[in-house]
Protein backbone atom coordinates (compact mmCIF):
# COMPACT_ATOMS: atom_id res chain seq x y z
CA MET A 1 67.42 -5.73 60.57
CA GLU A 2 66.71 -3.74 57.30
CA VAL A 3 64.42 -1.21 56.03
CA ILE A 4 63.34 0.06 52.78
CA GLY A 5 62.96 3.99 51.92
CA ILE A 6 63.85 6.80 50.00
CA LEU A 7 67.34 8.61 50.85
CA LYS A 8 66.35 12.37 51.48
CA VAL A 9 69.56 13.29 53.51
CA LYS A 10 73.16 12.64 52.70
CA GLN A 11 75.72 13.84 54.98
CA ASP A 12 79.53 14.27 54.31
CA THR A 13 82.24 12.10 56.40
CA VAL A 14 82.72 13.83 59.75
CA GLN A 15 86.39 13.01 61.47
CA VAL A 16 85.19 12.71 65.03
CA SER A 17 88.56 11.67 66.49
CA GLU A 18 91.87 10.65 64.99
CA LYS A 19 90.50 7.04 65.13
CA PHE A 20 87.01 7.45 64.32
CA LYS A 21 84.85 8.86 61.21
CA LYS A 22 81.31 8.60 60.72
CA ARG A 23 78.70 9.56 57.83
CA GLU A 24 75.08 9.81 58.35
CA PHE A 25 72.12 9.94 56.18
CA VAL A 26 68.39 9.74 56.28
CA ILE A 27 65.77 7.39 54.93
CA GLU A 28 62.01 8.02 54.65
CA LEU A 29 59.90 5.07 55.33
CA THR A 30 56.78 5.34 53.62
CA ASP A 31 54.97 2.24 54.73
CA ASN A 32 52.25 4.39 55.61
CA PRO A 33 52.16 7.36 53.21
CA LYS A 34 49.77 9.23 55.70
CA TYR A 35 52.53 9.21 58.49
CA PRO A 36 55.88 8.98 56.83
CA GLN A 37 58.74 8.49 59.22
CA THR A 38 62.43 9.88 58.72
CA ILE A 39 65.05 7.46 60.32
CA GLN A 40 68.98 8.38 60.77
CA PHE A 41 71.34 5.98 60.05
CA GLN A 42 75.02 6.05 60.41
CA LEU A 43 77.83 4.83 58.53
CA VAL A 44 81.31 4.31 60.41
CA GLN A 45 85.01 3.88 59.55
CA ASP A 46 85.62 2.20 56.07
CA SER A 47 82.17 2.07 55.16
CA CYS A 48 81.46 5.60 55.01
CA PRO A 49 82.32 5.95 50.87
CA MET A 50 79.41 3.25 50.85
CA LEU A 51 76.74 6.01 50.13
CA ASP A 52 78.62 7.86 47.65
CA GLN A 53 76.99 5.77 44.59
CA PHE A 54 73.57 6.78 45.75
CA ASN A 55 71.29 10.01 44.88
CA LEU A 56 68.73 11.85 46.88
CA ASP A 57 65.43 10.33 46.28
CA ASP A 58 66.81 6.79 45.29
CA LYS A 59 64.72 3.99 46.85
CA LEU A 60 67.16 2.04 48.76
CA ARG A 61 67.13 -1.34 51.05
CA VAL A 62 69.53 -0.83 54.21
CA GLU A 63 70.82 -3.22 56.39
CA PHE A 64 71.72 -2.06 59.82
CA ASP A 65 72.27 -2.99 63.30
CA LEU A 66 70.69 -1.38 66.38
CA ARG A 67 73.49 -0.08 68.73
CA GLY A 68 73.18 1.33 72.23
CA ARG A 69 75.57 2.81 75.06
CA LYS A 70 75.49 4.40 78.23
CA TRP A 71 77.31 7.37 79.37
CA THR A 72 77.77 9.19 82.39
CA ASP A 73 77.94 13.04 82.16
CA PRO A 74 80.33 15.17 84.46
CA ASN A 75 77.62 15.48 87.06
CA GLY A 76 77.11 11.65 87.35
CA VAL A 77 74.08 11.47 85.59
CA ASP A 78 73.74 8.41 83.45
CA LYS A 79 72.57 9.18 79.89
CA TYR A 80 71.89 6.27 77.17
CA PHE A 81 72.02 6.70 73.18
CA ASN A 82 71.06 4.73 70.58
CA SER A 83 72.05 4.59 66.96
CA LEU A 84 71.55 2.46 63.91
CA GLN A 85 74.54 1.69 62.08
CA ALA A 86 74.28 0.43 58.51
CA TRP A 87 76.37 -1.75 57.10
CA LYS A 88 74.63 -2.99 53.71
CA ILE A 89 73.13 -0.39 51.31
CA GLU A 90 71.64 -1.43 47.85
CA THR A 91 69.34 0.67 45.55
CA LEU A 92 66.05 -0.76 44.26
CA THR A 93 64.43 -0.42 41.00
CA THR A 94 62.08 2.38 40.27
CA ASP A 95 59.65 0.35 38.29
CA PRO A 96 56.43 0.65 40.26
CA ASP A 97 55.22 -2.80 39.16
CA VAL A 98 58.18 -4.71 40.56
CA LEU A 99 58.90 -2.34 43.89
CA PRO A 100 58.80 -4.64 47.02
CA PHE A 101 56.59 -2.37 49.07
């Protein structure tokens, strides 16, 4: 899957456990400027530094996988979580005559 949007939030890498780290960022989708959508993505493990080269307000293309998992809380209640795991990010030109959207 892929989206094109503007980088609005760029978090630091967080070491979640001894073996797992992640970095979150937010892209604003402007397909419909009247109702922009802000979408949170994550990078994991060795992909975390991928975001370093980009600046806020850069126009980016993000390729990602939709991930989901089930977790049972201590009371036995099942909960479901989704995440958008980015695996490729590239900048797009800021020339309005060349923008793909």
